[in-house]
């Protein structure tokens, strides 16, 4: 089974989405839209009713939560429902 990424055009390139249960690492130089890709995938999962785990390395949780709010989600509600967990690697590095 494949899991749609929510990234327009990408799913068609990879036969309908990522393999279910696969571990995926986004890697590349600065400025190649890794964060945008990951956010699109997370938003698609939330829209489908999935739970997500976000490991933040390039922004603090407050910025991530604001992006979720801009897309119509309530981070606190998602957390209380058990659908959102965040690992704050960004602040730990600081």
PDB file of N, CA and C in Angstrom:
ATOM      1  N   UNK A   1       0.844  -1.182   0.000  1.00  0.00           N
ATOM      2  CA  UNK A   1       0.000   0.000   0.000  1.00  0.00           C
ATOM      3  C   UNK A   1       0.887   1.243   0.000  1.00  0.00           C
ATOM      4  N   UNK A   2       0.419   2.311  -0.632  1.00  0.00           N
ATOM      5  CA  UNK A   2       1.146   3.565  -0.721  1.00  0.00           C
ATOM      6  C   UNK A   2       0.414   4.652   0.066  1.00  0.00           C
ATOM      7  N   UNK A   3       1.190   5.595   0.632  1.00  0.00           N
ATOM      8  CA  UNK A   3       0.647   6.709   1.403  1.00  0.00           C
ATOM      9  C   UNK A   3       0.897   7.989   0.611  1.00  0.00           C
ATOM     10  N   UNK A   4      -0.177   8.693   0.210  1.00  0.00           N
ATOM     11  CA  UNK A   4       0.017   9.937  -0.540  1.00  0.00           C
ATOM     12  C   UNK A   4       0.793  10.967   0.278  1.00  0.00           C
ATOM     13  N   UNK A   5       1.671  11.705  -0.391  1.00  0.00           N
ATOM     14  CA  UNK A   5       2.465  12.727   0.296  1.00  0.00           C
ATOM     15  C   UNK A   5       1.757  14.062   0.368  1.00  0.00           C
ATOM     16  N   UNK A   6       0.796  14.295  -0.515  1.00  0.00           N
ATOM     17  CA  UNK A   6       0.149  15.598  -0.576  1.00  0.00           C
ATOM     18  C   UNK A   6       0.952  16.602  -1.377  1.00  0.00           C
ATOM     19  N   UNK A   7       2.064  16.180  -1.941  1.00  0.00           N
ATOM     20  CA  UNK A   7       2.919  17.061  -2.738  1.00  0.00           C
ATOM     21  C   UNK A   7       2.565  16.846  -4.201  1.00  0.00           C
ATOM     22  N   UNK A   8       1.968  17.882  -4.776  1.00  0.00           N
ATOM     23  CA  UNK A   8       1.455  17.800  -6.139  1.00  0.00           C
ATOM     24  C   UNK A   8       2.531  17.328  -7.122  1.00  0.00           C
ATOM     25  N   UNK A   9       2.193  16.326  -7.902  1.00  0.00           N
ATOM     26  CA  UNK A   9       3.092  15.805  -8.915  1.00  0.00           C
ATOM     27  C   UNK A   9       4.059  14.746  -8.416  1.00  0.00           C
ATOM     28  N   UNK A  10       4.402  14.809  -7.142  1.00  0.00           N
ATOM     29  CA  UNK A  10       5.384  13.876  -6.605  1.00  0.00           C
ATOM     30  C   UNK A  10       4.831  12.458  -6.502  1.00  0.00           C
ATOM     31  N   UNK A  11       3.595  12.338  -6.030  1.00  0.00           N
ATOM     32  CA  UNK A  11       3.008  11.014  -5.857  1.00  0.00           C
ATOM     33  C   UNK A  11       2.966  10.228  -7.168  1.00  0.00           C
ATOM     34  N   UNK A  12       2.681  10.910  -8.267  1.00  0.00           N
ATOM     35  CA  UNK A  12       2.654  10.234  -9.555  1.00  0.00           C
ATOM     36  C   UNK A  12       4.039   9.705  -9.928  1.00  0.00           C
ATOM     37  N   UNK A  13       5.068  10.446  -9.558  1.00  0.00           N
ATOM     38  CA  UNK A  13       6.440  10.021  -9.862  1.00  0.00           C
ATOM     39  C   UNK A  13       6.846   8.765  -9.096  1.00  0.00           C
ATOM     40  N   UNK A  14       6.276   8.572  -7.921  1.00  0.00           N
ATOM     41  CA  UNK A  14       6.674   7.430  -7.080  1.00  0.00           C
ATOM     42  C   UNK A  14       5.534   6.424  -6.911  1.00  0.00           C
ATOM     43  N   UNK A  15       4.733   6.283  -7.939  1.00  0.00           N
ATOM     44  CA  UNK A  15       3.689   5.258  -8.009  1.00  0.00           C
ATOM     45  C   UNK A  15       2.609   5.397  -6.941  1.00  0.00           C
ATOM     46  N   UNK A  16       2.208   6.619  -6.643  1.00  0.00           N
ATOM     47  CA  UNK A  16       1.070   6.847  -5.766  1.00  0.00           C
ATOM     48  C   UNK A  16       1.377   7.285  -4.351  1.00  0.00           C
ATOM     49  N   UNK A  17       2.631   7.361  -3.982  1.00  0.00           N
ATOM     50  CA  UNK A  17       2.990   7.802  -2.643  1.00  0.00           C
ATOM     51  C   UNK A  17       4.127   6.975  -2.079  1.00  0.00           C
ATOM     52  N   UNK A  18       4.411   7.224  -0.815  1.00  0.00           N
ATOM     53  CA  UNK A  18       5.482   6.502  -0.131  1.00  0.00           C
ATOM     54  C   UNK A  18       4.974   5.133   0.323  1.00  0.00           C
ATOM     55  N   UNK A  19       5.834   4.135   0.363  1.00  0.00           N
ATOM     56  CA  UNK A  19       5.402   2.826   0.869  1.00  0.00           C
ATOM     57  C   UNK A  19       4.956   2.939   2.326  1.00  0.00           C
ATOM     58  N   UNK A  20       3.803   2.361   2.629  1.00  0.00           N
ATOM     59  CA  UNK A  20       3.298   2.397   4.000  1.00  0.00           C
ATOM     60  C   UNK A  20       4.310   1.744   4.940  1.00  0.00           C
ATOM     61  N   UNK A  21       4.591   2.409   6.068  1.00  0.00           N
ATOM     62  CA  UNK A  21       5.520   1.888   7.055  1.00  0.00           C
ATOM     63  C   UNK A  21       6.975   2.182   6.773  1.00  0.00           C
ATOM     64  N   UNK A  22       7.254   2.859   5.671  1.00  0.00           N
ATOM     65  CA  UNK A  22       8.639   3.163   5.310  1.00  0.00           C
ATOM     66  C   UNK A  22       9.187   4.297   6.170  1.00  0.00           C
ATOM     67  N   UNK A  23      10.462   4.240   6.462  1.00  0.00           N
ATOM     68  CA  UNK A  23      11.154   5.346   7.124  1.00  0.00           C
ATOM     69  C   UNK A  23      11.787   6.187   6.013  1.00  0.00           C
ATOM     70  N   UNK A  24      11.511   7.474   6.032  1.00  0.00           N
ATOM     71  CA  UNK A  24      11.986   8.353   4.971  1.00  0.00           C
ATOM     72  C   UNK A  24      12.816   9.479   5.581  1.00  0.00           C
ATOM     73  N   UNK A  25      13.975   9.715   5.012  1.00  0.00           N
ATOM     74  CA  UNK A  25      14.836  10.805   5.441  1.00  0.00           C
ATOM     75  C   UNK A  25      14.918  11.806   4.298  1.00  0.00           C
ATOM     76  N   UNK A  26      14.602  13.069   4.596  1.00  0.00           N
ATOM     77  CA  UNK A  26      14.770  14.136   3.610  1.00  0.00           C
ATOM     78  C   UNK A  26      16.152  14.733   3.822  1.00  0.00           C
ATOM     79  N   UNK A  27      16.947  14.699   2.789  1.00  0.00           N
ATOM     80  CA  UNK A  27      18.321  15.155   2.916  1.00  0.00           C
ATOM     81  C   UNK A  27      18.671  16.015   1.714  1.00  0.00           C
ATOM     82  N   UNK A  28      19.437  17.054   1.958  1.00  0.00           N
ATOM     83  CA  UNK A  28      19.876  17.912   0.866  1.00  0.00           C
ATOM     84  C   UNK A  28      20.395  19.228   1.385  1.00  0.00           C
ATOM     85  N   UNK A  29      20.973  20.016   0.494  1.00  0.00           N
ATOM     86  CA  UNK A  29      21.530  21.299   0.907  1.00  0.00           C
ATOM     87  C   UNK A  29      20.442  22.305   1.280  1.00  0.00           C
ATOM     88  N   UNK A  30      20.849  23.354   1.936  1.00  0.00           N
ATOM     89  CA  UNK A  30      19.951  24.440   2.293  1.00  0.00           C
ATOM     90  C   UNK A  30      19.294  24.997   1.038  1.00  0.00           C
ATOM     91  N   UNK A  31      17.997  25.323   1.166  1.00  0.00           N
ATOM     92  CA  UNK A  31      17.299  25.997   0.081  1.00  0.00           C
ATOM     93  C   UNK A  31      16.669  25.094  -0.957  1.00  0.00           C
ATOM     94  N   UNK A  32      16.547  23.801  -0.674  1.00  0.00           N
ATOM     95  CA  UNK A  32      15.930  22.909  -1.665  1.00  0.00           C
ATOM     96  C   UNK A  32      14.521  22.471  -1.253  1.00  0.00           C
ATOM     97  N   UNK A  33      13.918  23.192  -0.308  1.00  0.00           N
ATOM     98  CA  UNK A  33      12.513  23.017   0.079  1.00  0.00           C
ATOM     99  C   UNK A  33      12.205  21.720   0.827  1.00  0.00           C
ATOM    100  N   UNK A  34      13.146  21.210   1.580  1.00  0.00           N
ATOM    101  CA  UNK A  34      12.893  20.013   2.391  1.00  0.00           C
ATOM    102  C   UNK A  34      11.785  20.273   3.411  1.00  0.00           C
ATOM    103  N   UNK A  35      11.835  21.426   4.051  1.00  0.00           N
ATOM    104  CA  UNK A  35      10.839  21.749   5.071  1.00  0.00           C
ATOM    105  C   UNK A  35       9.448  21.855   4.453  1.00  0.00           C
ATOM    106  N   UNK A  36       9.343  22.480   3.276  1.00  0.00           N
ATOM    107  CA  UNK A  36       8.047  22.608   2.605  1.00  0.00           C
ATOM    108  C   UNK A  36       7.490  21.238   2.233  1.00  0.00           C
ATOM    109  N   UNK A  37       8.357  20.368   1.732  1.00  0.00           N
ATOM    110  CA  UNK A  37       7.935  19.008   1.380  1.00  0.00           C
ATOM    111  C   UNK A  37       7.417  18.287   2.618  1.00  0.00           C
ATOM    112  N   UNK A  38       8.183  18.331   3.698  1.00  0.00           N
ATOM    113  CA  UNK A  38       7.795  17.643   4.931  1.00  0.00           C
ATOM    114  C   UNK A  38       6.484  18.191   5.480  1.00  0.00           C
ATOM    115  N   UNK A  39       6.321  19.507   5.446  1.00  0.00           N
ATOM    116  CA  UNK A  39       5.086  20.109   5.949  1.00  0.00           C
ATOM    117  C   UNK A  39       3.887  19.663   5.104  1.00  0.00           C
ATOM    118  N   UNK A  40       4.062  19.609   3.801  1.00  0.00           N
ATOM    119  CA  UNK A  40       2.978  19.129   2.940  1.00  0.00           C
ATOM    120  C   UNK A  40       2.578  17.702   3.280  1.00  0.00           C
ATOM    121  N   UNK A  41       3.565  16.856   3.549  1.00  0.00           N
ATOM    122  CA  UNK A  41       3.311  15.465   3.905  1.00  0.00           C
ATOM    123  C   UNK A  41       2.591  15.374   5.254  1.00  0.00           C
ATOM    124  N   UNK A  42       3.038  16.147   6.229  1.00  0.00           N
ATOM    125  CA  UNK A  42       2.400  16.137   7.549  1.00  0.00           C
ATOM    126  C   UNK A  42       0.956  16.631   7.470  1.00  0.00           C
ATOM    127  N   UNK A  43       0.735  17.697   6.709  1.00  0.00           N
ATOM    128  CA  UNK A  43      -0.618  18.241   6.551  1.00  0.00           C
ATOM    129  C   UNK A  43      -1.526  17.212   5.892  1.00  0.00           C
ATOM    130  N   UNK A  44      -1.024  16.538   4.876  1.00  0.00           N
ATOM    131  CA  UNK A  44      -1.820  15.490   4.212  1.00  0.00           C
ATOM    132  C   UNK A  44      -2.193  14.400   5.215  1.00  0.00           C
ATOM    133  N   UNK A  45      -1.247  13.990   6.042  1.00  0.00           N
ATOM    134  CA  UNK A  45      -1.538  12.981   7.056  1.00  0.00           C
ATOM    135  C   UNK A  45      -2.598  13.443   8.040  1.00  0.00           C
ATOM    136  N   UNK A  46      -2.487  14.677   8.503  1.00  0.00           N
ATOM    137  CA  UNK A  46      -3.491  15.210   9.432  1.00  0.00           C
ATOM    138  C   UNK A  46      -4.863  15.266   8.776  1.00  0.00           C
ATOM    139  N   UNK A  47      -4.922  15.673   7.522  1.00  0.00           N
ATOM    140  CA  UNK A  47      -6.209  15.723   6.807  1.00  0.00           C
ATOM    141  C   UNK A  47      -6.824  14.334   6.683  1.00  0.00           C
ATOM    142  N   UNK A  48      -5.986  13.324   6.585  1.00  0.00           N
ATOM    143  CA  UNK A  48      -6.467  11.934   6.461  1.00  0.00           C
ATOM    144  C   UNK A  48      -6.768  11.317   7.825  1.00  0.00           C
ATOM    145  N   UNK A  49      -6.576  12.073   8.920  1.00  0.00           N
ATOM    146  CA  UNK A  49      -6.871  11.577  10.262  1.00  0.00           C
ATOM    147  C   UNK A  49      -5.728  10.835  10.923  1.00  0.00           C
ATOM    148  N   UNK A  50      -4.547  10.916  10.339  1.00  0.00           N
ATOM    149  CA  UNK A  50      -3.387  10.217  10.894  1.00  0.00           C
ATOM    150  C   UNK A  50      -2.781  10.986  12.066  1.00  0.00           C
ATOM    151  N   UNK A  51      -1.969  10.301  12.844  1.00  0.00           N
ATOM    152  CA  UNK A  51      -1.176  10.917  13.899  1.00  0.00           C
ATOM    153  C   UNK A  51       0.213  11.200  13.333  1.00  0.00           C
ATOM    154  N   UNK A  52       0.848  12.280  13.812  1.00  0.00           N
ATOM    155  CA  UNK A  52       2.167  12.621  13.295  1.00  0.00           C
ATOM    156  C   UNK A  52       3.157  12.853  14.436  1.00  0.00           C
ATOM    157  N   UNK A  53       4.404  12.582  14.118  1.00  0.00           N
ATOM    158  CA  UNK A  53       5.526  12.895  14.989  1.00  0.00           C
ATOM    159  C   UNK A  53       6.434  13.807  14.185  1.00  0.00           C
ATOM    160  N   UNK A  54       6.683  15.004  14.683  1.00  0.00           N
ATOM    161  CA  UNK A  54       7.552  15.957  13.998  1.00  0.00           C
ATOM    162  C   UNK A  54       8.825  16.139  14.808  1.00  0.00           C
ATOM    163  N   UNK A  55       9.964  15.915  14.175  1.00  0.00           N
ATOM    164  CA  UNK A  55      11.269  16.168  14.798  1.00  0.00           C
ATOM    165  C   UNK A  55      11.761  17.482  14.210  1.00  0.00           C
ATOM    166  N   UNK A  56      11.819  18.508  15.050  1.00  0.00           N
ATOM    167  CA  UNK A  56      12.157  19.855  14.581  1.00  0.00           C
ATOM    168  C   UNK A  56      13.638  20.138  14.785  1.00  0.00           C
ATOM    169  N   UNK A  57      14.314  20.463  13.691  1.00  0.00           N
ATOM    170  CA  UNK A  57      15.735  20.782  13.787  1.00  0.00           C
ATOM    171  C   UNK A  57      16.066  22.161  13.234  1.00  0.00           C
ATOM    172  N   UNK A  58      15.129  22.761  12.494  1.00  0.00           N
ATOM    173  CA  UNK A  58      15.445  24.051  11.875  1.00  0.00           C
ATOM    174  C   UNK A  58      14.545  25.189  12.343  1.00  0.00           C
ATOM    175  N   UNK A  59      13.620  24.904  13.264  1.00  0.00           N
ATOM    176  CA  UNK A  59      12.750  25.952  13.799  1.00  0.00           C
ATOM    177  C   UNK A  59      12.211  25.521  15.153  1.00  0.00           C
ATOM    178  N   UNK A  60      11.855  26.491  16.002  1.00  0.00           N
ATOM    179  CA  UNK A  60      11.290  26.148  17.311  1.00  0.00           C
ATOM    180  C   UNK A  60       9.846  25.660  17.173  1.00  0.00           C
ATOM    181  N   UNK A  61       9.354  24.945  18.162  1.00  0.00           N
ATOM    182  CA  UNK A  61       7.975  24.464  18.109  1.00  0.00           C
ATOM    183  C   UNK A  61       6.954  25.578  17.883  1.00  0.00           C
ATOM    184  N   UNK A  62       7.166  26.756  18.450  1.00  0.00           N
ATOM    185  CA  UNK A  62       6.199  27.845  18.268  1.00  0.00           C
ATOM    186  C   UNK A  62       6.012  28.178  16.789  1.00  0.00           C
ATOM    187  N   UNK A  63       7.075  28.177  16.010  1.00  0.00           N
ATOM    188  CA  UNK A  63       6.973  28.459  14.575  1.00  0.00           C
ATOM    189  C   UNK A  63       6.239  27.328  13.852  1.00  0.00           C
ATOM    190  N   UNK A  64       6.535  26.089  14.240  1.00  0.00           N
ATOM    191  CA  UNK A  64       5.856  24.937  13.643  1.00  0.00           C
ATOM    192  C   UNK A  64       4.358  24.981  13.950  1.00  0.00           C
ATOM    193  N   UNK A  65       4.009  25.279  15.200  1.00  0.00           N
ATOM    194  CA  UNK A  65       2.601  25.351  15.581  1.00  0.00           C
ATOM    195  C   UNK A  65       1.882  26.457  14.813  1.00  0.00           C
ATOM    196  N   UNK A  66       2.548  27.571  14.592  1.00  0.00           N
ATOM    197  CA  UNK A  66       1.946  28.662  13.827  1.00  0.00           C
ATOM    198  C   UNK A  66       1.653  28.224  12.390  1.00  0.00           C
ATOM    199  N   UNK A  67       2.553  27.467  11.798  1.00  0.00           N
ATOM    200  CA  UNK A  67       2.318  26.955  10.441  1.00  0.00           C
ATOM    201  C   UNK A  67       1.104  26.028  10.410  1.00  0.00           C
ATOM    202  N   UNK A  68       0.942  25.213  11.445  1.00  0.00           N
ATOM    203  CA  UNK A  68      -0.241  24.358  11.518  1.00  0.00           C
ATOM    204  C   UNK A  68      -1.510  25.197  11.630  1.00  0.00           C
ATOM    205  N   UNK A  69      -1.461  26.226  12.466  1.00  0.00           N
ATOM    206  CA  UNK A  69      -2.634  27.113  12.620  1.00  0.00           C
ATOM    207  C   UNK A  69      -2.982  27.793  11.296  1.00  0.00           C
ATOM    208  N   UNK A  70      -1.979  28.225  10.561  1.00  0.00           N
ATOM    209  CA  UNK A  70      -2.208  28.874   9.259  1.00  0.00           C
ATOM    210  C   UNK A  70      -2.913  27.942   8.277  1.00  0.00           C
ATOM    211  N   UNK A  71      -2.770  26.654   8.496  1.00  0.00           N
ATOM    212  CA  UNK A  71      -3.396  25.657   7.621  1.00  0.00           C
ATOM    213  C   UNK A  71      -4.687  25.093   8.215  1.00  0.00           C
ATOM    214  N   UNK A  72      -5.178  25.741   9.286  1.00  0.00           N
ATOM    215  CA  UNK A  72      -6.482  25.390   9.836  1.00  0.00           C
ATOM    216  C   UNK A  72      -6.492  24.344  10.931  1.00  0.00           C
ATOM    217  N   UNK A  73      -5.343  24.010  11.489  1.00  0.00           N
ATOM    218  CA  UNK A  73      -5.271  23.012  12.556  1.00  0.00           C
ATOM    219  C   UNK A  73      -5.023  23.682  13.899  1.00  0.00           C
ATOM    220  N   UNK A  74      -5.467  23.032  14.969  1.00  0.00           N
ATOM    221  CA  UNK A  74      -5.242  23.498  16.329  1.00  0.00           C
ATOM    222  C   UNK A  74      -4.247  22.551  16.998  1.00  0.00           C
ATOM    223  N   UNK A  75      -2.968  22.963  17.108  1.00  0.00           N
ATOM    224  CA  UNK A  75      -1.955  22.068  17.670  1.00  0.00           C
ATOM    225  C   UNK A  75      -2.303  21.504  19.048  1.00  0.00           C
ATOM    226  N   UNK A  76      -2.870  22.326  19.918  1.00  0.00           N
ATOM    227  CA  UNK A  76      -3.207  21.862  21.252  1.00  0.00           C
ATOM    228  C   UNK A  76      -4.264  20.755  21.204  1.00  0.00           C
ATOM    229  N   UNK A  77      -5.248  20.935  20.354  1.00  0.00           N
ATOM    230  CA  UNK A  77      -6.300  19.930  20.188  1.00  0.00           C
ATOM    231  C   UNK A  77      -5.709  18.634  19.625  1.00  0.00           C
ATOM    232  N   UNK A  78      -4.846  18.760  18.615  1.00  0.00           N
ATOM    233  CA  UNK A  78      -4.204  17.577  18.037  1.00  0.00           C
ATOM    234  C   UNK A  78      -3.390  16.837  19.090  1.00  0.00           C
ATOM    235  N   UNK A  79      -2.687  17.588  19.941  1.00  0.00           N
ATOM    236  CA  UNK A  79      -1.896  16.982  21.008  1.00  0.00           C
ATOM    237  C   UNK A  79      -2.795  16.221  21.979  1.00  0.00           C
ATOM    238  N   UNK A  80      -3.867  16.867  22.402  1.00  0.00           N
ATOM    239  CA  UNK A  80      -4.789  16.238  23.356  1.00  0.00           C
ATOM    240  C   UNK A  80      -5.469  14.998  22.780  1.00  0.00           C
ATOM    241  N   UNK A  81      -5.648  14.968  21.469  1.00  0.00           N
ATOM    242  CA  UNK A  81      -6.248  13.809  20.789  1.00  0.00           C
ATOM    243  C   UNK A  81      -5.221  12.699  20.565  1.00  0.00           C
ATOM    244  N   UNK A  82      -3.957  12.962  20.865  1.00  0.00           N
ATOM    245  CA  UNK A  82      -2.912  11.978  20.625  1.00  0.00           C
ATOM    246  C   UNK A  82      -2.474  11.902  19.182  1.00  0.00           C
ATOM    247  N   UNK A  83      -2.775  12.942  18.407  1.00  0.00           N
ATOM    248  CA  UNK A  83      -2.443  12.938  16.973  1.00  0.00           C
ATOM    249  C   UNK A  83      -1.211  13.765  16.638  1.00  0.00           C
ATOM    250  N   UNK A  84      -0.621  14.437  17.617  1.00  0.00           N
ATOM    251  CA  UNK A  84       0.560  15.268  17.370  1.00  0.00           C
ATOM    252  C   UNK A  84       1.549  15.104  18.504  1.00  0.00           C
ATOM    253  N   UNK A  85       2.773  14.767  18.144  1.00  0.00           N
ATOM    254  CA  UNK A  85       3.888  14.750  19.086  1.00  0.00           C
ATOM    255  C   UNK A  85       5.053  15.458  18.410  1.00  0.00           C
ATOM    256  N   UNK A  86       5.823  16.185  19.212  1.00  0.00           N
ATOM    257  CA  UNK A  86       6.940  16.973  18.678  1.00  0.00           C
ATOM    258  C   UNK A  86       8.202  16.674  19.479  1.00  0.00           C
ATOM    259  N   UNK A  87       9.280  16.433  18.771  1.00  0.00           N
ATOM    260  CA  UNK A  87      10.599  16.329  19.377  1.00  0.00           C
ATOM    261  C   UNK A  87      11.317  17.625  19.043  1.00  0.00           C
ATOM    262  N   UNK A  88      11.669  18.383  20.054  1.00  0.00           N
ATOM    263  CA  UNK A  88      12.278  19.698  19.858  1.00  0.00           C
ATOM    264  C   UNK A  88      13.802  19.581  19.857  1.00  0.00           C
ATOM    265  N   UNK A  89      14.344  19.149  18.762  1.00  0.00           N
ATOM    266  CA  UNK A  89      15.790  19.043  18.609  1.00  0.00           C
ATOM    267  C   UNK A  89      16.417  20.430  18.384  1.00  0.00           C
ATOM    268  N   UNK A  90      15.635  21.339  17.819  1.00  0.00           N
ATOM    269  CA  UNK A  90      16.093  22.704  17.567  1.00  0.00           C
ATOM    270  C   UNK A  90      16.564  23.374  18.863  1.00  0.00           C
ATOM    271  N   UNK A  91      15.709  23.385  19.875  1.00  0.00           N
ATOM    272  CA  UNK A  91      16.055  24.042  21.139  1.00  0.00           C
ATOM    273  C   UNK A  91      17.160  23.316  21.886  1.00  0.00           C
ATOM    274  N   UNK A  92      17.206  22.003  21.763  1.00  0.00           N
ATOM    275  CA  UNK A  92      18.242  21.227  22.418  1.00  0.00           C
ATOM    276  C   UNK A  92      19.626  21.580  21.859  1.00  0.00           C
ATOM    277  N   UNK A  93      19.684  21.870  20.563  1.00  0.00           N
ATOM    278  CA  UNK A  93      20.951  22.235  19.937  1.00  0.00           C
ATOM    279  C   UNK A  93      21.408  23.613  20.382  1.00  0.00           C
ATOM    280  N   UNK A  94      20.438  24.500  20.670  1.00  0.00           N
ATOM    281  CA  UNK A  94      20.769  25.865  21.087  1.00  0.00           C
ATOM    282  C   UNK A  94      21.358  25.775  22.460  1.00  0.00           C
TER     283      UNK A  94
END
